[in-house]
């Protein structure tokens, strides 16, 4: 028994795990991160717009 008899099955297991378990999970995760980023952008822009409206109402330069 040599080292390759131990390392090769471990490598095959890691490869199988990535292909069959991790890759299918990444598509919904990536979509969720993109959607979360877009929602955060919209909220941030609304908050900034509120500050501009408030500054204009007080007669200050935004």
Protein backbone atom coordinates (compact mmCIF):
# COMPACT_ATOMS: atom_id res chain seq x y z
CA UNK A 1 0.00 0.00 0.00
CA UNK A 2 1.44 3.34 -1.01
CA UNK A 3 0.45 6.95 -0.39
CA UNK A 4 -1.46 7.23 -3.67
CA UNK A 5 -3.83 4.47 -2.53
CA UNK A 6 -4.87 6.78 0.32
CA UNK A 7 -4.80 10.17 -1.41
CA UNK A 8 -6.63 9.23 -4.64
CA UNK A 9 -9.91 8.13 -2.94
CA UNK A 10 -9.85 11.25 -0.77
CA UNK A 11 -9.43 13.39 -3.90
CA UNK A 12 -12.28 11.56 -5.62
CA UNK A 13 -14.51 12.11 -2.57
CA UNK A 14 -13.69 15.83 -2.46
CA UNK A 15 -14.33 16.13 -6.21
CA UNK A 16 -17.67 14.31 -5.89
CA UNK A 17 -18.67 16.49 -2.93
CA UNK A 18 -17.98 19.72 -4.82
CA UNK A 19 -19.73 18.59 -8.00
CA UNK A 20 -22.82 17.08 -6.35
CA UNK A 21 -23.35 19.08 -3.18
CA UNK A 22 -21.72 22.48 -3.40
CA UNK A 23 -22.30 23.47 -7.03
CA UNK A 24 -26.12 23.05 -6.87
CA UNK A 25 -26.21 25.19 -3.73
CA UNK A 26 -24.27 28.04 -5.30
CA UNK A 27 -26.88 29.11 -7.87
CA UNK A 28 -29.58 30.05 -5.33
CA UNK A 29 -26.96 31.57 -3.02
CA UNK A 30 -25.55 33.79 -5.77
CA UNK A 31 -29.04 34.87 -6.82
CA UNK A 32 -29.86 35.66 -3.20
CA UNK A 33 -26.74 37.78 -2.80
CA UNK A 34 -27.51 39.72 -5.98
CA UNK A 35 -31.14 40.30 -4.95
CA UNK A 36 -30.06 41.36 -1.46
CA UNK A 37 -27.57 43.80 -2.99
CA UNK A 38 -30.21 45.32 -5.25
CA UNK A 39 -32.68 45.70 -2.37
CA UNK A 40 -29.97 47.33 -0.24
CA UNK A 41 -29.16 49.72 -3.11
CA UNK A 42 -32.81 50.78 -3.46
CA UNK A 43 -33.16 51.32 0.30
CA UNK A 44 -29.91 53.31 0.41
CA UNK A 45 -31.00 55.54 -2.47
CA UNK A 46 -34.39 56.18 -0.80
CA UNK A 47 -32.66 57.17 2.45
CA UNK A 48 -30.33 59.52 0.56
CA UNK A 49 -33.29 61.03 -1.26
CA UNK A 50 -34.98 61.64 2.10
CA UNK A 51 -31.90 63.55 3.29
CA UNK A 52 -31.92 65.68 0.13
CA UNK A 53 -35.62 66.50 0.53
CA UNK A 54 -35.07 67.39 4.19
CA UNK A 55 -32.08 69.63 3.32
CA UNK A 56 -34.04 71.42 0.61
CA UNK A 57 -36.97 71.97 3.01
CA UNK A 58 -34.59 73.56 5.53
CA UNK A 59 -33.02 75.75 2.85
CA UNK A 60 -29.60 74.11 3.05
CA UNK A 61 -27.56 73.01 0.08
CA UNK A 62 -27.67 69.22 -0.28
